[in-house]
Amino acid sequence: MQPVTRLISSVRRGEIRWLNYLLASVLALASDAGLFLMLLDAGLSPMSASATGYCAGILVHWMVSSRLVFADGAAARGTGERHRQKLLFVASALVGLTVTTAIVGGGSALGLDPRLAKLLAIVISFQTTYLLRRHIVFRAAAA
């Protein structure tokens, strides 16, 4: 009976981690979009405002992910391993951006409403980055 109890406990931890990751993503997206809108209102070009907002979103997501969602897999601050995790985290964000761009571009080319394509892209990109971060960036946290 103990192996079954451990399995159930592991699944529950995974569900909680996924929900925490979802909340971190919402917070990062709100930071990204909020800064984007503020910078647009301040007169910055849309492209610059978008890039700045996206970078801020990555930073917010790193802070929440490394301190809450995947804290058990985060390397100690000031170590080479922590630096490697930061680089992998940014790389995973760029993978998410690539997935999103490809889905929206491909969907639009096929005649799909870009808003619908973006919604599909958000779901797929979210799950992609979650899996990359859980199993590669913070691999010790996957237990």
Protein backbone atom coordinates (compact mmCIF):
# COMPACT_ATOMS: atom_id res chain seq x y z
CA MET A 1 0.00 0.00 0.00
CA GLN A 2 2.91 2.38 0.65
CA PRO A 3 4.00 2.57 -3.03
CA VAL A 4 0.45 3.56 -4.00
CA THR A 5 0.39 6.26 -1.32
CA ARG A 6 3.72 7.61 -2.57
CA LEU A 7 2.43 7.65 -6.15
CA ILE A 8 -0.72 9.56 -5.15
CA SER A 9 1.35 12.01 -3.15
CA SER A 10 3.70 12.54 -6.10
CA VAL A 11 0.79 13.21 -8.46
CA ARG A 12 -0.69 15.72 -6.02
CA ARG A 13 2.66 17.52 -5.70
CA GLY A 14 2.83 17.64 -9.50
CA GLU A 15 -0.67 19.10 -9.71
CA ILE A 16 0.14 21.72 -7.10
CA ARG A 17 3.39 22.56 -8.88
CA TRP A 18 1.51 22.92 -12.18
CA LEU A 19 -1.09 25.20 -10.57
CA ASN A 20 1.66 27.27 -8.95
CA TYR A 21 3.36 27.50 -12.34
CA LEU A 22 0.09 28.67 -13.86
CA LEU A 23 -0.16 31.41 -11.23
CA ALA A 24 3.47 32.42 -11.85
CA SER A 25 2.72 32.60 -15.57
CA VAL A 26 -0.33 34.80 -15.00
CA LEU A 27 1.74 37.12 -12.81
CA ALA A 28 4.51 37.28 -15.43
CA LEU A 29 2.01 37.93 -18.21
CA ALA A 30 0.39 40.71 -16.18
CA SER A 31 3.81 42.27 -15.61
CA ASP A 32 4.67 41.98 -19.30
CA ALA A 33 1.36 43.44 -20.50
CA GLY A 34 1.23 46.14 -17.81
CA LEU A 35 4.72 47.41 -18.58
CA PHE A 36 4.02 47.19 -22.32
CA LEU A 37 0.93 49.40 -21.95
CA MET A 38 2.71 51.87 -19.67
CA LEU A 39 5.63 52.21 -22.08
CA LEU A 40 3.29 52.65 -25.03
CA ASP A 41 1.50 55.43 -23.15
CA ALA A 42 4.88 57.00 -22.43
CA GLY A 43 5.59 57.18 -26.16
CA LEU A 44 7.98 54.25 -26.62
CA SER A 45 7.70 52.42 -29.94
CA PRO A 46 5.46 49.33 -29.88
CA MET A 47 8.38 47.04 -30.72
CA SER A 48 10.59 48.42 -27.94
CA ALA A 49 7.71 48.40 -25.47
CA SER A 50 6.89 44.81 -26.38
CA ALA A 51 10.50 43.62 -26.03
CA THR A 52 10.93 45.42 -22.70
CA GLY A 53 7.66 44.02 -21.36
CA TYR A 54 8.59 40.51 -22.47
CA CYS A 55 11.98 40.74 -20.73
CA ALA A 56 10.29 41.99 -17.55
CA GLY A 57 7.88 39.05 -17.75
CA ILE A 58 10.81 36.63 -18.00
CA LEU A 59 12.42 38.23 -14.95
CA VAL A 60 9.21 38.03 -12.91
CA HIS A 61 8.70 34.42 -13.98
CA TRP A 62 12.28 33.54 -12.98
CA MET A 63 11.84 35.14 -9.56
CA VAL A 64 8.60 33.29 -8.81
CA SER A 65 9.66 29.99 -10.41
CA SER A 66 13.05 29.76 -8.75
CA ARG A 67 11.79 30.82 -5.32
CA LEU A 68 8.37 29.16 -5.17
CA VAL A 69 7.38 26.80 -7.96
CA PHE A 70 10.70 24.94 -8.35
CA ALA A 71 12.45 26.02 -5.15
CA ASP A 72 13.40 22.41 -4.40
CA GLY A 73 15.32 22.22 -7.68
CA ALA A 74 16.86 25.69 -7.74
CA ALA A 75 20.63 25.79 -7.35
CA ALA A 76 22.21 27.87 -4.61
CA ARG A 77 22.62 31.55 -5.42
CA GLY A 78 26.03 32.64 -6.64
CA THR A 79 26.97 29.24 -8.08
CA GLY A 80 27.77 28.21 -11.61
CA GLU A 81 24.80 25.87 -11.55
CA ARG A 82 22.48 28.78 -10.72
CA HIS A 83 23.94 30.72 -13.67
CA ARG A 84 23.33 27.68 -15.90
CA GLN A 85 19.72 27.52 -14.69
CA LYS A 86 19.20 31.19 -15.52
CA LEU A 87 20.54 30.67 -19.03
CA LEU A 88 18.36 27.60 -19.53
CA PHE A 89 15.37 29.52 -18.18
CA VAL A 90 15.87 32.29 -20.73
CA ALA A 91 16.38 29.67 -23.45
CA SER A 92 13.08 28.03 -22.46
CA ALA A 93 11.39 31.44 -22.69
CA LEU A 94 12.79 31.84 -26.20
CA VAL A 95 11.48 28.37 -27.10
CA GLY A 96 8.07 29.50 -25.85
CA LEU A 97 8.30 32.66 -27.93
CA THR A 98 9.28 30.63 -31.00
CA VAL A 99 6.40 28.18 -30.49
CA THR A 100 3.95 31.05 -30.07
CA THR A 101 5.21 32.90 -33.13
CA ALA A 102 5.16 29.76 -35.28
CA ILE A 103 1.61 28.82 -34.25
CA VAL A 104 0.23 32.32 -34.76
CA GLY A 105 2.07 32.72 -38.07
CA GLY A 106 1.13 29.27 -39.31
CA GLY A 107 -2.47 29.58 -38.17
CA SER A 108 -2.80 32.97 -39.84
CA ALA A 109 -1.29 31.62 -43.07
CA LEU A 110 -3.90 28.84 -43.02
CA GLY A 111 -6.70 31.39 -42.61
CA LEU A 112 -7.27 30.91 -38.87
CA ASP A 113 -8.31 34.00 -36.94
CA PRO A 114 -5.07 35.29 -35.34
CA ARG A 115 -6.79 35.67 -31.95
CA LEU A 116 -7.78 32.00 -32.02
CA ALA A 117 -4.28 31.04 -33.13
CA LYS A 118 -2.84 33.10 -30.25
CA LEU A 119 -5.08 31.31 -27.73
CA LEU A 120 -3.94 27.94 -29.06
CA ALA A 121 -0.34 29.17 -28.98
CA ILE A 122 -0.65 30.27 -25.35
CA VAL A 123 -1.84 26.82 -24.28
CA ILE A 124 0.86 24.94 -26.19
CA SER A 125 3.65 27.37 -25.28
CA PHE A 126 2.64 27.30 -21.61
CA GLN A 127 2.80 23.51 -21.44
CA THR A 128 6.04 23.42 -23.46
CA THR A 129 7.85 25.86 -21.16
CA TYR A 130 6.47 24.13 -18.06
CA LEU A 131 7.86 20.79 -19.19
CA LEU A 132 11.21 22.28 -20.17
CA ARG A 133 11.53 24.06 -16.85
CA ARG A 134 10.37 21.11 -14.77
CA HIS A 135 12.49 18.47 -16.48
CA ILE A 136 15.53 20.41 -17.70
CA VAL A 137 15.99 23.80 -16.00
CA PHE A 138 15.02 22.67 -12.47
CA ARG A 139 15.48 18.93 -13.08
CA ALA A 140 15.96 18.06 -9.38
CA ALA A 141 12.45 19.40 -8.73
CA ALA A 142 10.84 16.77 -10.94
CA ALA A 143 10.92 14.12 -8.20
